[in-house]
Amino acid sequence: MKKRLRAGFTFAETLITVALLSIVFLAISGGFVVFTRAYKSITRKANAQVMLSTAIMQVTDDFKNATVYYSSTNAFETSSRGYLVKYVQNSSKGMIVQPFNQSTGEADSTLKEIPLLTSKTNTDNMYTDFTWGDSPCTIAADGTALFDIKIYIRASDDSDKAIEYQEIKVRSNSVVTKY
């Protein structure tokens, strides 16, 4: 058997080491990519749930304090805001609380419309949207109203796909006059 005269690694040993290190590096980087995608997805879902919860609280507050409802326009007066409002959709701002003038059937220009959620709450290119239920407002025997609305959190960068949604039914705290 021949003794090696020089210390070090052979070319074959170096190639095998580089190949093994390449495989390990690819596995680690692939895991990192999967982890990053999962983290973004989970974070987005959590942000959507917070947005939905905040929107539900705002809408519930408006409906619980409703005193008058106009079925022809879905406008309602709420004591929490102190004037007649109507929810309208705006794809850039989300749900808008629009002051409404029932006699003209148009937005009340003397008051400013406001988004249901602020721009700071609307994160990750998401916005709020809604649809009324089959029966938007039903008056019960005791005179209180039951409002039916479905709230969505949509992604504007993903074909307006609904990330989260919830149908809510809210009973007013007081008697509601329906026109």
Foldseek 3Di string as FASTA:
>chain_A
DDDDDDDDDDPVVVVVVVVVVVVVVVVVVVVVVVVVVVVVLVVVLVLQVVLQVLLVVLVQQQQQQWAEAEPVQRWTAGVVVGAIWDWDQDLQQAIKTFGADVVVRGTDPVDDIGRSDDPVSQPPQKHKYKDFPPDQWDQDPQQKIKGWMKMFIFHPVPVRDTSDMDIDIHIYNDHYHYD
